[in-house]
C-alpha cells in the first residue's frame, strides 16, 4: 500500500506493524488528520501497482483513544454480525425457543387487559441483541492501551479490511507498552498508523518501528 501527503514523498506500507507519522508542522498535522477524515484531498492512496484506493474505505480513522468518546460503538454492527454468523445451531435454536416462550407469556398477559393489545413477533436475533443493548465491557476501555488493543482485536476478529489510524498514542504509552503494542500488531498481521504531533527528538519509541517525520518547515525526514 502506498500513502502520499500531497507534494511530499510517499509512504510505502509493505509489512504488518506500526507505522508512525510524526509531524512538527501544525499545517501538516491538520492536513493529514482532515485527510483521513475525508475533509480534504491532501492524502492519496493506492495499491502497490498504483491502482487508486479510496481513503475512507482503506483507513479507519479513530482519533485520540481517550478524547474521541466511545470509539468502539461504530463497530457493534460488525461485532453482532460476526457473533450471529458464528452462532451454532443449538444455541441459535435455544435463543429462538426462549423468544417464543417470552412471546407466549406476553400474549397471555395481554389477554387479561381491557384494551385489545397485541405484539409483533419475529425471530430476528439482531433485534434481540439491540434490545438488550449488547456492548463491550467498559472496564476494558479505561486505559488507552486497552482501547487500542480492543480496536485491533475487532479488526482481526471481524476481518475488517481497513487500516486503523490513531492519534496521540505517545501521550499515553510507556516505552515498554510501545514495544508490546508493536509486537501485538505484527502477531495480528495488521497495519496500525499512528499520528503524532511532536518534534523528532521528543518522541521516544523502539528503534524498529518505522518513523516518518515532517518538520516545522514541511521538510521530509524519511
Protein backbone atom coordinates (compact mmCIF):
# COMPACT_ATOMS: atom_id res chain seq x y z
CA UNK A 1 0.00 0.00 0.00
CA UNK A 2 1.23 3.50 -0.87
CA UNK A 3 0.08 6.61 1.01
CA UNK A 4 1.08 10.12 -0.07
CA UNK A 5 0.67 13.52 1.54
CA UNK A 6 0.38 15.79 -1.49
CA UNK A 7 3.72 17.35 -2.56
CA UNK A 8 5.64 15.07 -0.14
CA UNK A 9 7.47 11.79 -0.53
CA UNK A 10 5.29 8.71 -0.44
CA UNK A 11 4.93 6.27 2.45
CA UNK A 12 5.06 2.61 1.46
CA UNK A 13 3.42 0.21 3.91
CA UNK A 14 4.55 -3.25 2.83
CA UNK A 15 4.72 -5.29 6.01
CA UNK A 16 2.43 -5.60 9.06
CA UNK A 17 3.27 -3.43 12.05
CA UNK A 18 3.03 0.08 13.44
CA UNK A 19 3.76 2.99 11.10
CA UNK A 20 4.34 6.29 12.89
CA UNK A 21 3.84 9.61 11.14
CA UNK A 22 5.46 12.35 13.22
CA UNK A 23 4.53 15.94 12.44
CA UNK A 24 6.05 19.11 13.85
CA UNK A 25 4.10 21.37 11.50
CA UNK A 26 0.56 22.36 12.55
CA UNK A 27 -0.29 22.74 8.86
CA UNK A 28 0.78 19.18 8.06
CA UNK A 29 -0.92 17.82 11.17
CA UNK A 30 -4.27 19.40 10.28
CA UNK A 31 -3.96 18.41 6.62
CA UNK A 32 -3.30 14.78 7.42
CA UNK A 33 -5.91 14.44 10.17
CA UNK A 34 -8.58 16.01 8.00
CA UNK A 35 -7.39 13.95 5.05
CA UNK A 36 -8.08 10.74 6.96
CA UNK A 37 -11.45 12.19 8.00
CA UNK A 38 -12.33 12.80 4.36
CA UNK A 39 -12.48 16.56 4.79
CA UNK A 40 -9.83 17.37 2.18
CA UNK A 41 -7.94 15.80 -0.72
CA UNK A 42 -4.45 16.13 0.75
CA UNK A 43 -3.94 12.37 1.06
CA UNK A 44 -3.69 9.98 -1.87
CA UNK A 45 -3.66 6.21 -1.53
CA UNK A 46 -3.01 3.39 -3.97
CA UNK A 47 -2.13 -0.25 -4.16
CA UNK A 48 1.49 -1.17 -4.81
CA UNK A 49 0.73 -1.26 -8.53
CA UNK A 50 -0.64 2.30 -8.24
CA UNK A 51 -4.31 1.40 -8.65
CA UNK A 52 -6.06 4.15 -6.64
CA UNK A 53 -7.76 3.37 -3.34
CA UNK A 54 -10.46 5.30 -1.51
CA UNK A 55 -9.08 6.86 1.69
CA UNK A 56 -12.37 6.49 3.57
CA UNK A 57 -12.66 2.79 2.77
CA UNK A 58 -8.97 1.96 3.12
CA UNK A 59 -8.42 3.60 6.50
CA UNK A 60 -10.44 3.52 9.71
CA UNK A 61 -9.83 6.87 11.42
CA UNK A 62 -10.22 6.51 15.18
CA UNK A 63 -8.55 9.63 16.54
CA UNK A 64 -7.38 10.07 20.11
CA UNK A 65 -8.18 6.88 22.09
CA UNK A 66 -9.26 8.84 25.18
CA UNK A 67 -10.76 12.01 23.75
CA UNK A 68 -12.87 10.59 20.91
CA UNK A 69 -15.69 9.20 23.07
CA UNK A 70 -16.79 5.59 22.77
CA UNK A 71 -14.78 4.71 19.68
CA UNK A 72 -15.96 1.09 19.80
CA UNK A 73 -19.66 1.89 19.25
CA UNK A 74 -19.30 2.13 15.47
CA UNK A 75 -18.02 -1.45 15.38
CA UNK A 76 -21.09 -3.00 17.02
CA UNK A 77 -22.87 -3.90 13.72
CA UNK A 78 -19.73 -5.79 12.66
CA UNK A 79 -19.47 -7.49 16.07
CA UNK A 80 -23.16 -8.52 16.06
CA UNK A 81 -22.93 -9.86 12.51
CA UNK A 82 -19.79 -11.82 13.38
CA UNK A 83 -21.43 -13.22 16.53
CA UNK A 84 -24.57 -14.34 14.70
CA UNK A 85 -22.52 -15.80 11.86
CA UNK A 86 -20.58 -17.95 14.32
CA UNK A 87 -23.58 -18.95 16.46
CA UNK A 88 -24.06 -22.72 16.30
CA UNK A 89 -27.46 -24.24 15.59
CA UNK A 90 -28.02 -25.49 19.14
CA UNK A 91 -27.57 -22.07 20.72
CA UNK A 92 -29.49 -20.34 17.94
CA UNK A 93 -32.46 -22.69 18.42
CA UNK A 94 -32.23 -22.24 22.18
CA UNK A 95 -32.47 -18.47 21.81
CA UNK A 96 -35.44 -18.76 19.44
CA UNK A 97 -37.25 -21.14 21.81
CA UNK A 98 -36.73 -18.66 24.62
CA UNK A 99 -38.15 -15.89 22.43
CA UNK A 100 -41.25 -17.94 21.68
CA UNK A 101 -41.66 -18.65 25.38
CA UNK A 102 -41.44 -14.94 26.13
CA UNK A 103 -43.96 -14.20 23.38
CA UNK A 104 -46.39 -16.73 24.83
CA UNK A 105 -46.19 -15.22 28.31
CA UNK A 106 -46.69 -11.71 26.93
CA UNK A 107 -49.64 -12.74 24.78
CA UNK A 108 -51.32 -14.47 27.71
CA UNK A 109 -50.85 -11.45 29.96
CA UNK A 110 -52.22 -9.09 27.30
CA UNK A 111 -55.46 -11.10 27.13
CA UNK A 112 -56.15 -10.02 30.70
CA UNK A 113 -56.19 -6.33 29.71
CA UNK A 114 -59.38 -4.45 28.87
CA UNK A 115 -57.84 -2.98 25.71
CA UNK A 116 -57.22 -5.15 22.59
CA UNK A 117 -53.43 -5.17 22.85
CA UNK A 118 -51.13 -7.26 20.65
CA UNK A 119 -47.41 -7.59 19.94
CA UNK A 120 -45.43 -8.11 16.75
CA UNK A 121 -43.03 -11.02 17.00
CA UNK A 122 -40.32 -12.36 14.74
CA UNK A 123 -37.14 -14.40 15.09
CA UNK A 124 -34.73 -11.59 14.29
CA UNK A 125 -31.88 -12.10 16.76
CA UNK A 126 -30.32 -8.77 15.72
CA UNK A 127 -33.35 -7.00 17.19
CA UNK A 128 -32.95 -9.02 20.38
CA UNK A 129 -29.29 -8.03 20.73
CA UNK A 130 -30.17 -4.40 20.05
CA UNK A 131 -32.93 -4.53 22.67
CA UNK A 132 -30.52 -5.95 25.26
CA UNK A 133 -28.02 -3.17 24.40
CA UNK A 134 -25.13 -5.52 23.73
CA UNK A 135 -21.83 -3.68 24.28
CA UNK A 136 -18.18 -4.18 25.08
CA UNK A 137 -17.15 -4.35 28.71
CA UNK A 138 -16.42 -0.76 29.75
CA UNK A 139 -13.84 -1.96 32.27
CA UNK A 140 -11.61 -2.95 29.36
CA UNK A 141 -11.88 0.50 27.78
CA UNK A 142 -10.43 2.70 30.51
CA UNK A 143 -6.73 2.56 29.73
CA UNK A 144 -5.59 3.80 26.29
CA UNK A 145 -3.59 0.63 25.66
CA UNK A 146 -6.70 -1.47 26.35
CA UNK A 147 -8.74 0.66 23.95
CA UNK A 148 -6.17 0.30 21.17
CA UNK A 149 -5.85 -3.43 21.80
CA UNK A 150 -9.64 -3.83 21.64
CA UNK A 151 -9.83 -1.97 18.32
CA UNK A 152 -7.14 -4.22 16.90
CA UNK A 153 -8.94 -7.35 18.12
CA UNK A 154 -12.16 -6.13 16.50
CA UNK A 155 -10.35 -5.59 13.21
CA UNK A 156 -8.87 -9.07 13.40
CA UNK A 157 -11.98 -10.92 14.65
CA UNK A 158 -14.41 -9.23 12.27
CA UNK A 159 -11.91 -9.41 9.40
CA UNK A 160 -12.17 -5.70 8.69
CA UNK A 161 -10.11 -4.74 5.67
CA UNK A 162 -9.41 -1.14 6.67
CA UNK A 163 -6.27 0.14 8.39
CA UNK A 164 -6.86 1.70 11.83
CA UNK A 165 -5.45 5.22 12.32
CA UNK A 166 -4.92 6.51 15.87
CA UNK A 167 -3.58 9.85 17.14
CA UNK A 168 -1.56 10.90 20.18
CA UNK A 169 -0.58 7.42 21.32
CA UNK A 170 2.71 8.79 22.70
CA UNK A 171 0.68 10.82 25.22
CA UNK A 172 -0.35 7.61 26.94
CA UNK A 173 2.11 4.76 26.41
CA UNK A 174 5.36 3.99 28.18
CA UNK A 175 8.28 2.68 26.14
CA UNK A 176 7.57 -0.92 27.19
CA UNK A 177 3.95 -0.58 26.11
CA UNK A 178 5.11 0.70 22.73
CA UNK A 179 7.13 -2.49 22.33
CA UNK A 180 4.22 -4.67 23.43
CA UNK A 181 1.90 -2.88 21.02
CA UNK A 182 4.37 -3.26 18.15
CA UNK A 183 4.63 -6.99 18.81
CA UNK A 184 0.84 -7.35 19.06
CA UNK A 185 0.20 -5.60 15.74
CA UNK A 186 2.69 -7.86 13.97
CA UNK A 187 1.27 -11.00 15.59
CA UNK A 188 -2.19 -10.00 14.35
CA UNK A 189 -0.77 -9.40 10.86
CA UNK A 190 -2.24 -5.89 10.85
CA UNK A 191 -1.05 -2.41 9.97
CA UNK A 192 -1.61 0.39 12.50
CA UNK A 193 -0.98 4.01 11.53
CA UNK A 194 -0.13 6.31 14.45
CA UNK A 195 -0.08 10.10 14.01
CA UNK A 196 1.92 12.17 16.50
CA UNK A 197 2.30 15.95 16.77
CA UNK A 198 5.85 16.07 18.03
CA UNK A 199 9.45 17.02 17.42
CA UNK A 200 11.84 14.41 16.14
CA UNK A 201 13.76 14.43 19.42
CA UNK A 202 10.81 14.21 21.80
CA UNK A 203 9.26 11.01 20.50
CA UNK A 204 10.66 8.01 22.37
CA UNK A 205 9.81 4.81 20.53
CA UNK A 206 11.54 1.48 19.86
CA UNK A 207 14.04 1.79 17.02
CA UNK A 208 12.48 -0.99 14.96
CA UNK A 209 9.19 0.90 14.46
CA UNK A 210 9.10 2.76 11.11
CA UNK A 211 9.04 6.53 11.69
CA UNK A 212 8.18 9.12 9.04
CA UNK A 213 8.78 12.72 10.12
CA UNK A 214 7.85 16.08 8.61
CA UNK A 215 9.39 19.06 10.40
CA UNK A 216 8.06 22.56 11.04
CA UNK A 217 9.37 23.73 7.66
CA UNK A 218 7.47 20.89 5.90
CA UNK A 219 10.70 19.06 5.11
CA UNK A 220 10.52 15.26 4.91
CA UNK A 221 12.88 13.23 7.11
CA UNK A 222 12.34 9.71 5.82
